[in-house]
Amino acid sequence: MLNDLILTLSCRDRPGITARVTGVLFELGGNILEAQQFNEIEDGEFFMRVAFAPGASDIGAYRAALASLATELDMRWTIRAAGNLRRVLILVSKFDHCLSDLLYRQRIGELPMEVVAIAGNHPRTALSATLPDDVPYHHLPITPETKPQQEAALRALIAETGAELVVLARYMQVLSDALSADLAGRCINIHHSFLPGFKGARPYHQAHARGVKMIGATAHYVTGDLDEGPIIHQDVEPISHADAPDDLVRKGRDIERRVLAEAVRLHLEDRVLLNGSRTVVFRS
């Protein structure tokens, strides 16, 4: 598994793409372990994910052979070693249930990532979560007046740590359009699914006042449009008239953390391919 390679690609659909791609892998001695593809009929796009054992050839040989095919097919593609852990920066505010869950799943090996730093707009003492001793915490306070400077510090932290993915684990700050654009496809956010019906503070209390019968959460890539980026994963849970606002908050926390964790896993395993404002998700 550690030596396996993962190839993802997308291009305009045409006959023979699967045969051409798998042919390249065969010629170099690759053994396909998992393959999934999707033909987007409406847009005429083709998407594919292949996990394979490389055999005697190294990743450089596959890159060279696939580069030639990619030029011919005008193909967007990536290939990487499955055993290489992604470097992840987690941002948090005062609600740290998602942060705690991500750290636990990483510690037990469920999420193949290296947490290179944790940053928040509140001091570390504002968190109830126990943070790893070997992961630095950065306090990046922010006010409307200091937002440009704070984001500059955040940019510097991303560059310094080499973070490949930024996770907003209930980070209650809106990223600027410029930073959102720079992080396109590599920044994941979690929010309750009441939007746009229940915006602002205390959404679960608003939902209770309206007598909703279903609550949920959405994990998506961050864009300049607030909470409207390409969706990666969602989940819901039924509730009843007997649920008090505190019950909704408790159940909402559970949904938020499991939805975010699944979205992060899917991204880390190269199972999410962008398709404009949507995503193609190859689930395991």
C-alpha atoms as a PDB file:
ATOM      1  CA  MET A   1       0.000   0.000   0.000  1.00  0.00           C
ATOM      2  CA  LEU A   2       2.751   2.472   0.899  1.00  0.00           C
ATOM      3  CA  ASN A   3       4.401   1.981  -2.491  1.00  0.00           C
ATOM      4  CA  ASP A   4       1.160   2.186  -4.468  1.00  0.00           C
ATOM      5  CA  LEU A   5       0.566   5.108  -6.813  1.00  0.00           C
ATOM      6  CA  ILE A   6      -2.665   7.041  -7.321  1.00  0.00           C
ATOM      7  CA  LEU A   7      -3.507   8.600 -10.681  1.00  0.00           C
ATOM      8  CA  THR A   8      -6.385  11.026 -11.154  1.00  0.00           C
ATOM      9  CA  LEU A   9      -7.323  12.660 -14.438  1.00  0.00           C
ATOM     10  CA  SER A  10     -10.021  14.541 -16.291  1.00  0.00           C
ATOM     11  CA  CYS A  11     -10.440  15.611 -19.905  1.00  0.00           C
ATOM     12  CA  ARG A  12     -13.004  15.885 -22.672  1.00  0.00           C
ATOM     13  CA  ASP A  13     -14.729  12.550 -23.124  1.00  0.00           C
ATOM     14  CA  ARG A  14     -13.882  10.487 -26.205  1.00  0.00           C
ATOM     15  CA  PRO A  15     -13.661   6.783 -27.057  1.00  0.00           C
ATOM     16  CA  GLY A  16     -10.645   4.850 -25.839  1.00  0.00           C
ATOM     17  CA  ILE A  17      -9.441   6.958 -22.884  1.00  0.00           C
ATOM     18  CA  THR A  18      -9.633   4.096 -20.392  1.00  0.00           C
ATOM     19  CA  ALA A  19      -7.801   1.769 -22.767  1.00  0.00           C
ATOM     20  CA  ARG A  20      -5.076   4.340 -23.443  1.00  0.00           C
ATOM     21  CA  VAL A  21      -4.489   5.078 -19.757  1.00  0.00           C
ATOM     22  CA  THR A  22      -4.511   1.481 -18.579  1.00  0.00           C
ATOM     23  CA  GLY A  23      -2.317   0.567 -21.539  1.00  0.00           C
ATOM     24  CA  VAL A  24       0.359   2.985 -20.334  1.00  0.00           C
ATOM     25  CA  LEU A  25       0.254   1.450 -16.871  1.00  0.00           C
ATOM     26  CA  PHE A  26       0.437  -2.081 -18.309  1.00  0.00           C
ATOM     27  CA  GLU A  27       3.444  -1.284 -20.496  1.00  0.00           C
ATOM     28  CA  LEU A  28       5.366  -0.107 -17.430  1.00  0.00           C
ATOM     29  CA  GLY A  29       4.428  -3.137 -15.353  1.00  0.00           C
ATOM     30  CA  GLY A  30       1.726  -1.527 -13.239  1.00  0.00           C
ATOM     31  CA  ASN A  31      -0.912  -3.695 -11.581  1.00  0.00           C
ATOM     32  CA  ILE A  32      -4.270  -1.934 -11.162  1.00  0.00           C
ATOM     33  CA  LEU A  33      -5.760  -2.359  -7.686  1.00  0.00           C
ATOM     34  CA  GLU A  34      -8.742  -0.024  -7.931  1.00  0.00           C
ATOM     35  CA  ALA A  35     -10.183   1.908 -10.860  1.00  0.00           C
ATOM     36  CA  GLN A  36     -13.198   4.192 -11.069  1.00  0.00           C
ATOM     37  CA  GLN A  37     -14.402   6.446 -13.865  1.00  0.00           C
ATOM     38  CA  PHE A  38     -17.288   8.764 -14.613  1.00  0.00           C
ATOM     39  CA  ASN A  39     -18.571  10.137 -17.897  1.00  0.00           C
ATOM     40  CA  GLU A  40     -20.329  13.468 -17.374  1.00  0.00           C
ATOM     41  CA  ILE A  41     -22.970  13.330 -20.088  1.00  0.00           C
ATOM     42  CA  GLU A  42     -24.164  16.905 -19.673  1.00  0.00           C
ATOM     43  CA  ASP A  43     -20.743  18.541 -19.935  1.00  0.00           C
ATOM     44  CA  GLY A  44     -18.947  15.912 -21.999  1.00  0.00           C
ATOM     45  CA  GLU A  45     -16.168  15.499 -19.415  1.00  0.00           C
ATOM     46  CA  PHE A  46     -14.408  12.293 -18.386  1.00  0.00           C
ATOM     47  CA  PHE A  47     -13.041  11.649 -14.872  1.00  0.00           C
ATOM     48  CA  MET A  48     -10.917   8.745 -13.652  1.00  0.00           C
ATOM     49  CA  ARG A  49      -9.068   7.572 -10.543  1.00  0.00           C
ATOM     50  CA  VAL A  50      -6.699   4.604 -10.601  1.00  0.00           C
ATOM     51  CA  ALA A  51      -4.746   3.111  -7.695  1.00  0.00           C
ATOM     52  CA  PHE A  52      -2.037   0.706  -8.793  1.00  0.00           C
ATOM     53  CA  ALA A  53       1.117  -1.092  -7.740  1.00  0.00           C
ATOM     54  CA  PRO A  54       3.973   0.299  -9.857  1.00  0.00           C
ATOM     55  CA  GLY A  55       5.980  -2.887 -10.272  1.00  0.00           C
ATOM     56  CA  ALA A  56       9.602  -2.344 -11.277  1.00  0.00           C
ATOM     57  CA  SER A  57       9.029   1.162 -12.712  1.00  0.00           C
ATOM     58  CA  ASP A  58       9.368   4.260 -10.546  1.00  0.00           C
ATOM     59  CA  ILE A  59       6.995   7.218 -10.401  1.00  0.00           C
ATOM     60  CA  GLY A  60       9.239   9.216 -12.736  1.00  0.00           C
ATOM     61  CA  ALA A  61       8.733   6.692 -15.531  1.00  0.00           C
ATOM     62  CA  TYR A  62       4.974   6.895 -15.121  1.00  0.00           C
ATOM     63  CA  ARG A  63       5.075  10.689 -15.107  1.00  0.00           C
ATOM     64  CA  ALA A  64       7.029  10.767 -18.352  1.00  0.00           C
ATOM     65  CA  ALA A  65       4.752   8.287 -20.122  1.00  0.00           C
ATOM     66  CA  LEU A  66       1.556   9.950 -18.882  1.00  0.00           C
ATOM     67  CA  ALA A  67       2.809  13.432 -19.773  1.00  0.00           C
ATOM     68  CA  SER A  68       2.903  12.459 -23.435  1.00  0.00           C
ATOM     69  CA  LEU A  69      -0.628  11.071 -23.283  1.00  0.00           C
ATOM     70  CA  ALA A  70      -1.842  14.104 -21.331  1.00  0.00           C
ATOM     71  CA  THR A  71      -0.603  16.423 -24.070  1.00  0.00           C
ATOM     72  CA  GLU A  72      -2.440  14.428 -26.709  1.00  0.00           C
ATOM     73  CA  LEU A  73      -5.704  14.290 -24.748  1.00  0.00           C
ATOM     74  CA  ASP A  74      -5.441  17.769 -23.168  1.00  0.00           C
ATOM     75  CA  MET A  75      -5.666  15.986 -19.858  1.00  0.00           C
ATOM     76  CA  ARG A  76      -5.568  17.478 -16.354  1.00  0.00           C
ATOM     77  CA  TRP A  77      -3.894  14.903 -14.136  1.00  0.00           C
ATOM     78  CA  THR A  78      -1.962  14.160 -10.978  1.00  0.00           C
ATOM     79  CA  ILE A  79       0.018  11.149  -9.828  1.00  0.00           C
ATOM     80  CA  ARG A  80       1.469  10.630  -6.381  1.00  0.00           C
ATOM     81  CA  ALA A  81       2.625   7.945  -3.977  1.00  0.00           C
ATOM     82  CA  ALA A  82      -0.185   6.829  -1.692  1.00  0.00           C
ATOM     83  CA  GLY A  83       2.239   6.527   1.217  1.00  0.00           C
ATOM     84  CA  ASN A  84       3.244  10.198   1.124  1.00  0.00           C
ATOM     85  CA  LEU A  85       1.341  11.958   3.905  1.00  0.00           C
ATOM     86  CA  ARG A  86      -0.266  15.270   2.962  1.00  0.00           C
ATOM     87  CA  ARG A  87       0.823  18.268   5.018  1.00  0.00           C
ATOM     88  CA  VAL A  88      -2.255  19.817   6.639  1.00  0.00           C
ATOM     89  CA  LEU A  89      -2.858  23.118   8.438  1.00  0.00           C
ATOM     90  CA  ILE A  90      -5.966  23.248  10.651  1.00  0.00           C
ATOM     91  CA  LEU A  91      -7.671  26.535  11.492  1.00  0.00           C
ATOM     92  CA  VAL A  92     -10.014  26.789  14.470  1.00  0.00           C
ATOM     93  CA  SER A  93     -11.899  29.315  16.584  1.00  0.00           C
ATOM     94  CA  LYS A  94     -13.484  28.526  19.963  1.00  0.00           C
ATOM     95  CA  PHE A  95     -15.566  25.496  18.902  1.00  0.00           C
ATOM     96  CA  ASP A  96     -13.006  22.702  18.837  1.00  0.00           C
ATOM     97  CA  HIS A  97     -15.053  19.494  18.440  1.00  0.00           C
ATOM     98  CA  CYS A  98     -14.053  19.130  14.781  1.00  0.00           C
ATOM     99  CA  LEU A  99     -10.411  19.820  15.609  1.00  0.00           C
ATOM    100  CA  SER A 100     -10.403  17.174  18.351  1.00  0.00           C
ATOM    101  CA  ASP A 101     -11.992  14.632  16.030  1.00  0.00           C
ATOM    102  CA  LEU A 102      -9.502  15.252  13.218  1.00  0.00           C
ATOM    103  CA  LEU A 103      -6.549  14.936  15.590  1.00  0.00           C
ATOM    104  CA  TYR A 104      -7.910  11.682  17.012  1.00  0.00           C
ATOM    105  CA  ARG A 105      -8.504  10.165  13.573  1.00  0.00           C
ATOM    106  CA  GLN A 106      -5.025  11.229  12.484  1.00  0.00           C
ATOM    107  CA  ARG A 107      -3.486   9.709  15.611  1.00  0.00           C
ATOM    108  CA  ILE A 108      -5.098   6.294  15.055  1.00  0.00           C
ATOM    109  CA  GLY A 109      -4.122   6.286  11.379  1.00  0.00           C
ATOM    110  CA  GLU A 110      -7.570   6.836   9.922  1.00  0.00           C
ATOM    111  CA  LEU A 111      -6.571  10.073   8.182  1.00  0.00           C
ATOM    112  CA  PRO A 112      -3.313   9.843   6.190  1.00  0.00           C
ATOM    113  CA  MET A 113      -1.997  13.303   6.964  1.00  0.00           C
ATOM    114  CA  GLU A 114       0.729  15.181   8.811  1.00  0.00           C
ATOM    115  CA  VAL A 115      -0.680  18.071  10.829  1.00  0.00           C
ATOM    116  CA  VAL A 116       2.047  20.677  10.417  1.00  0.00           C
ATOM    117  CA  ALA A 117       0.373  23.417  12.467  1.00  0.00           C
ATOM    118  CA  ILE A 118      -2.833  24.536  14.131  1.00  0.00           C
ATOM    119  CA  ALA A 119      -3.821  28.192  14.056  1.00  0.00           C
ATOM    120  CA  GLY A 120      -6.698  30.118  15.560  1.00  0.00           C
ATOM    121  CA  ASN A 121      -8.005  33.612  16.048  1.00  0.00           C
ATOM    122  CA  HIS A 122      -8.240  32.976  19.803  1.00  0.00           C
ATOM    123  CA  PRO A 123      -5.484  32.016  22.274  1.00  0.00           C
ATOM    124  CA  ARG A 124      -4.743  28.334  22.805  1.00  0.00           C
ATOM    125  CA  THR A 125      -6.244  28.619  26.290  1.00  0.00           C
ATOM    126  CA  ALA A 126      -9.667  29.218  24.676  1.00  0.00           C
ATOM    127  CA  LEU A 127      -9.688  25.603  23.471  1.00  0.00           C
ATOM    128  CA  SER A 128     -10.746  22.609  25.526  1.00  0.00           C
ATOM    129  CA  ALA A 129      -9.040  20.184  23.153  1.00  0.00           C
ATOM    130  CA  THR A 130      -5.722  18.611  24.089  1.00  0.00           C
ATOM    131  CA  LEU A 131      -3.289  19.499  21.336  1.00  0.00           C
ATOM    132  CA  PRO A 132      -0.253  17.389  20.359  1.00  0.00           C
ATOM    133  CA  ASP A 133       2.992  18.608  21.901  1.00  0.00           C
ATOM    134  CA  ASP A 134       4.817  18.302  18.583  1.00  0.00           C
ATOM    135  CA  VAL A 135       2.325  20.430  16.605  1.00  0.00           C
ATOM    136  CA  PRO A 136       2.766  24.192  17.044  1.00  0.00           C
ATOM    137  CA  TYR A 137      -0.242  26.389  17.767  1.00  0.00           C
ATOM    138  CA  HIS A 138      -0.268  29.875  16.253  1.00  0.00           C
ATOM    139  CA  HIS A 139      -2.487  32.599  17.680  1.00  0.00           C
ATOM    140  CA  LEU A 140      -3.496  34.877  14.802  1.00  0.00           C
ATOM    141  CA  PRO A 141      -5.886  37.454  16.296  1.00  0.00           C
ATOM    142  CA  ILE A 142      -8.095  39.359  13.880  1.00  0.00           C
ATOM    143  CA  THR A 143     -10.270  42.452  13.847  1.00  0.00           C
ATOM    144  CA  PRO A 144     -11.972  44.100  10.869  1.00  0.00           C
ATOM    145  CA  GLU A 145      -9.124  46.623  10.827  1.00  0.00           C
ATOM    146  CA  THR A 146      -6.335  44.038  10.969  1.00  0.00           C
ATOM    147  CA  LYS A 147      -7.788  41.442   8.588  1.00  0.00           C
ATOM    148  CA  PRO A 148      -5.238  42.123   5.789  1.00  0.00           C
ATOM    149  CA  GLN A 149      -2.326  41.768   8.199  1.00  0.00           C
ATOM    150  CA  GLN A 150      -3.791  38.622   9.743  1.00  0.00           C
ATOM    151  CA  GLU A 151      -4.266  37.006   6.356  1.00  0.00           C
ATOM    152  CA  ALA A 152      -0.725  37.965   5.409  1.00  0.00           C
ATOM    153  CA  ALA A 153       0.483  36.111   8.510  1.00  0.00           C
ATOM    154  CA  LEU A 154      -1.726  33.163   7.557  1.00  0.00           C
ATOM    155  CA  ARG A 155      -0.282  33.121   4.045  1.00  0.00           C
ATOM    156  CA  ALA A 156       3.221  33.149   5.499  1.00  0.00           C
ATOM    157  CA  LEU A 157       2.329  30.233   7.780  1.00  0.00           C
ATOM    158  CA  ILE A 158       0.996  28.208   4.849  1.00  0.00           C
ATOM    159  CA  ALA A 159       4.189  28.854   2.907  1.00  0.00           C
ATOM    160  CA  GLU A 160       6.457  28.188   5.890  1.00  0.00           C
ATOM    161  CA  THR A 161       4.830  24.867   6.755  1.00  0.00           C
ATOM    162  CA  GLY A 162       4.379  23.746   3.156  1.00  0.00           C
ATOM    163  CA  ALA A 163       0.734  23.003   3.890  1.00  0.00           C
ATOM    164  CA  GLU A 164      -0.932  21.209   0.984  1.00  0.00           C
ATOM    165  CA  LEU A 165      -4.401  21.336   2.545  1.00  0.00           C
ATOM    166  CA  VAL A 166      -6.021  23.893   4.836  1.00  0.00           C
ATOM    167  CA  VAL A 167      -8.968  22.723   6.931  1.00  0.00           C
ATOM    168  CA  LEU A 168     -11.375  25.199   8.495  1.00  0.00           C
ATOM    169  CA  ALA A 169     -12.460  23.185  11.547  1.00  0.00           C
ATOM    170  CA  ARG A 170     -15.202  25.585  12.646  1.00  0.00           C
ATOM    171  CA  TYR A 171     -12.935  28.551  11.961  1.00  0.00           C
ATOM    172  CA  MET A 172     -15.424  31.361  12.358  1.00  0.00           C
ATOM    173  CA  GLN A 173     -13.772  33.842  10.033  1.00  0.00           C
ATOM    174  CA  VAL A 174     -14.518  34.542   6.382  1.00  0.00           C
ATOM    175  CA  LEU A 175     -11.490  34.286   4.103  1.00  0.00           C
ATOM    176  CA  SER A 176     -10.979  37.110   1.634  1.00  0.00           C
ATOM    177  CA  ASP A 177     -11.720  36.537  -2.042  1.00  0.00           C
ATOM    178  CA  ALA A 178      -8.007  36.710  -2.822  1.00  0.00           C
ATOM    179  CA  LEU A 179      -7.019  34.096  -0.242  1.00  0.00           C
ATOM    180  CA  SER A 180      -9.954  31.875  -1.230  1.00  0.00           C
ATOM    181  CA  ALA A 181      -8.777  32.004  -4.833  1.00  0.00           C
ATOM    182  CA  ASP A 182      -5.195  31.162  -3.860  1.00  0.00           C
ATOM    183  CA  LEU A 183      -6.421  28.139  -1.887  1.00  0.00           C
ATOM    184  CA  ALA A 184      -8.851  26.910  -4.564  1.00  0.00           C
ATOM    185  CA  GLY A 185      -9.238  23.147  -4.371  1.00  0.00           C
ATOM    186  CA  ARG A 186      -7.112  22.801  -1.246  1.00  0.00           C
ATOM    187  CA  CYS A 187      -9.156  24.433   1.507  1.00  0.00           C
ATOM    188  CA  ILE A 188     -12.109  22.598   3.094  1.00  0.00           C
ATOM    189  CA  ASN A 189     -14.793  24.188   5.275  1.00  0.00           C
ATOM    190  CA  ILE A 190     -17.616  22.748   7.371  1.00  0.00           C
ATOM    191  CA  HIS A 191     -20.942  24.428   8.087  1.00  0.00           C
ATOM    192  CA  HIS A 192     -24.424  23.523   9.216  1.00  0.00           C
ATOM    193  CA  SER A 193     -26.845  22.891   6.361  1.00  0.00           C
ATOM    194  CA  PHE A 194     -29.388  25.430   7.544  1.00  0.00           C
ATOM    195  CA  LEU A 195     -27.903  28.066   5.261  1.00  0.00           C
ATOM    196  CA  PRO A 196     -29.319  30.214   3.841  1.00  0.00           C
ATOM    197  CA  GLY A 197     -32.437  29.689   5.982  1.00  0.00           C
ATOM    198  CA  PHE A 198     -30.708  30.180   9.328  1.00  0.00           C
ATOM    199  CA  LYS A 199     -27.763  32.523   8.988  1.00  0.00           C
ATOM    200  CA  GLY A 200     -25.792  34.219  11.718  1.00  0.00           C
ATOM    201  CA  ALA A 201     -25.509  33.321  15.387  1.00  0.00           C
ATOM    202  CA  ARG A 202     -27.215  30.396  17.142  1.00  0.00           C
ATOM    203  CA  PRO A 203     -28.479  28.602  14.019  1.00  0.00           C
ATOM    204  CA  TYR A 204     -29.650  25.569  15.977  1.00  0.00           C
ATOM    205  CA  HIS A 205     -31.786  27.768  18.195  1.00  0.00           C
ATOM    206  CA  GLN A 206     -33.261  29.394  15.077  1.00  0.00           C
ATOM    207  CA  ALA A 207     -33.987  25.949  13.665  1.00  0.00           C
ATOM    208  CA  HIS A 208     -35.687  24.872  16.900  1.00  0.00           C
ATOM    209  CA  ALA A 209     -37.863  27.979  16.861  1.00  0.00           C
ATOM    210  CA  ARG A 210     -39.006  27.066  13.335  1.00  0.00           C
ATOM    211  CA  GLY A 211     -39.719  23.448  14.255  1.00  0.00           C
ATOM    212  CA  VAL A 212     -37.394  21.870  11.695  1.00  0.00           C
ATOM    213  CA  LYS A 213     -37.473  18.087  11.323  1.00  0.00           C
ATOM    214  CA  MET A 214     -34.016  17.527   9.822  1.00  0.00           C
ATOM    215  CA  ILE A 215     -30.593  18.959  10.611  1.00  0.00           C
ATOM    216  CA  GLY A 216     -27.344  18.410   8.773  1.00  0.00           C
ATOM    217  CA  ALA A 217     -23.889  19.603   7.799  1.00  0.00           C
ATOM    218  CA  THR A 218     -21.998  20.287   4.579  1.00  0.00           C
ATOM    219  CA  ALA A 219     -18.272  20.095   3.861  1.00  0.00           C
ATOM    220  CA  HIS A 220     -17.111  21.966   0.772  1.00  0.00           C
ATOM    221  CA  TYR A 221     -14.145  23.609  -0.874  1.00  0.00           C
ATOM    222  CA  VAL A 222     -13.798  27.275  -0.019  1.00  0.00           C
ATOM    223  CA  THR A 223     -14.511  29.879  -2.692  1.00  0.00           C
ATOM    224  CA  GLY A 224     -15.147  33.607  -2.662  1.00  0.00           C
ATOM    225  CA  ASP A 225     -18.889  32.871  -2.430  1.00  0.00           C
ATOM    226  CA  LEU A 226     -19.547  32.293   1.254  1.00  0.00           C
ATOM    227  CA  ASP A 227     -20.484  28.662   1.981  1.00  0.00           C
ATOM    228  CA  GLU A 228     -21.273  28.008  -1.683  1.00  0.00           C
ATOM    229  CA  GLY A 229     -18.131  26.203  -2.845  1.00  0.00           C
ATOM    230  CA  PRO A 230     -18.097  22.758  -4.491  1.00  0.00           C
ATOM    231  CA  ILE A 231     -19.641  20.263  -2.082  1.00  0.00           C
ATOM    232  CA  ILE A 232     -17.591  17.228  -1.013  1.00  0.00           C
ATOM    233  CA  HIS A 233     -19.776  15.519   1.568  1.00  0.00           C
ATOM    234  CA  GLN A 234     -23.061  16.020   3.422  1.00  0.00           C
ATOM    235  CA  ASP A 235     -25.094  14.211   6.040  1.00  0.00           C
ATOM    236  CA  VAL A 236     -28.379  14.732   7.892  1.00  0.00           C
ATOM    237  CA  GLU A 237     -30.168  13.470  10.976  1.00  0.00           C
ATOM    238  CA  PRO A 238     -33.880  13.552  11.787  1.00  0.00           C
ATOM    239  CA  ILE A 239     -35.070  15.369  14.887  1.00  0.00           C
ATOM    240  CA  SER A 240     -38.431  15.755  16.533  1.00  0.00           C
ATOM    241  CA  HIS A 241     -40.557  18.133  18.566  1.00  0.00           C
ATOM    242  CA  ALA A 242     -39.041  16.604  21.703  1.00  0.00           C
ATOM    243  CA  ASP A 243     -35.539  17.897  20.876  1.00  0.00           C
ATOM    244  CA  ALA A 244     -34.595  21.049  22.783  1.00  0.00           C
ATOM    245  CA  PRO A 245     -32.107  23.567  21.360  1.00  0.00           C
ATOM    246  CA  ASP A 246     -29.304  21.953  23.357  1.00  0.00           C
ATOM    247  CA  ASP A 247     -30.178  18.598  21.792  1.00  0.00           C
ATOM    248  CA  LEU A 248     -29.878  20.134  18.335  1.00  0.00           C
ATOM    249  CA  VAL A 249     -26.508  21.635  19.231  1.00  0.00           C
ATOM    250  CA  ARG A 250     -25.281  18.245  20.512  1.00  0.00           C
ATOM    251  CA  LYS A 251     -26.494  16.360  17.460  1.00  0.00           C
ATOM    252  CA  GLY A 252     -25.193  19.105  15.191  1.00  0.00           C
ATOM    253  CA  ARG A 253     -21.692  18.768  16.642  1.00  0.00           C
ATOM    254  CA  ASP A 254     -21.709  15.051  15.884  1.00  0.00           C
ATOM    255  CA  ILE A 255     -22.809  15.599  12.287  1.00  0.00           C
ATOM    256  CA  GLU A 256     -20.307  18.391  11.714  1.00  0.00           C
ATOM    257  CA  ARG A 257     -17.305  16.431  12.879  1.00  0.00           C
ATOM    258  CA  ARG A 258     -18.111  13.242  10.981  1.00  0.00           C
ATOM    259  CA  VAL A 259     -18.939  15.134   7.772  1.00  0.00           C
ATOM    260  CA  LEU A 260     -15.714  17.141   7.932  1.00  0.00           C
ATOM    261  CA  ALA A 261     -13.620  14.065   8.705  1.00  0.00           C
ATOM    262  CA  GLU A 262     -15.080  12.195   5.742  1.00  0.00           C
ATOM    263  CA  ALA A 263     -14.490  15.131   3.410  1.00  0.00           C
ATOM    264  CA  VAL A 264     -10.874  15.400   4.550  1.00  0.00           C
ATOM    265  CA  ARG A 265     -10.378  11.644   4.072  1.00  0.00           C
ATOM    266  CA  LEU A 266     -11.802  11.764   0.567  1.00  0.00           C
ATOM    267  CA  HIS A 267      -9.492  14.650  -0.344  1.00  0.00           C
ATOM    268  CA  LEU A 268      -6.413  13.029   1.195  1.00  0.00           C
ATOM    269  CA  GLU A 269      -7.052   9.838  -0.775  1.00  0.00           C
ATOM    270  CA  ASP A 270      -7.432  11.754  -4.064  1.00  0.00           C
ATOM    271  CA  ARG A 271     -11.068  10.750  -4.362  1.00  0.00           C
ATOM    272  CA  VAL A 272     -12.428  14.233  -5.108  1.00  0.00           C
ATOM    273  CA  LEU A 273     -12.121  15.757  -8.584  1.00  0.00           C
ATOM    274  CA  LEU A 274     -13.396  19.247  -9.282  1.00  0.00           C
ATOM    275  CA  ASN A 275     -15.998  19.632 -11.994  1.00  0.00           C
ATOM    276  CA  GLY A 276     -16.607  23.369 -12.172  1.00  0.00           C
ATOM    277  CA  SER A 277     -18.849  24.305  -9.250  1.00  0.00           C
ATOM    278  CA  ARG A 278     -19.446  20.626  -8.491  1.00  0.00           C
ATOM    279  CA  THR A 279     -17.325  17.627  -7.571  1.00  0.00           C
ATOM    280  CA  VAL A 280     -16.917  14.046  -8.710  1.00  0.00           C
ATOM    281  CA  VAL A 281     -16.360  11.869  -5.639  1.00  0.00           C
ATOM    282  CA  PHE A 282     -15.019   8.340  -6.106  1.00  0.00           C
ATOM    283  CA  ARG A 283     -15.957   6.668  -2.828  1.00  0.00           C
ATOM    284  CA  SER A 284     -14.212   3.609  -1.429  1.00  0.00           C
END
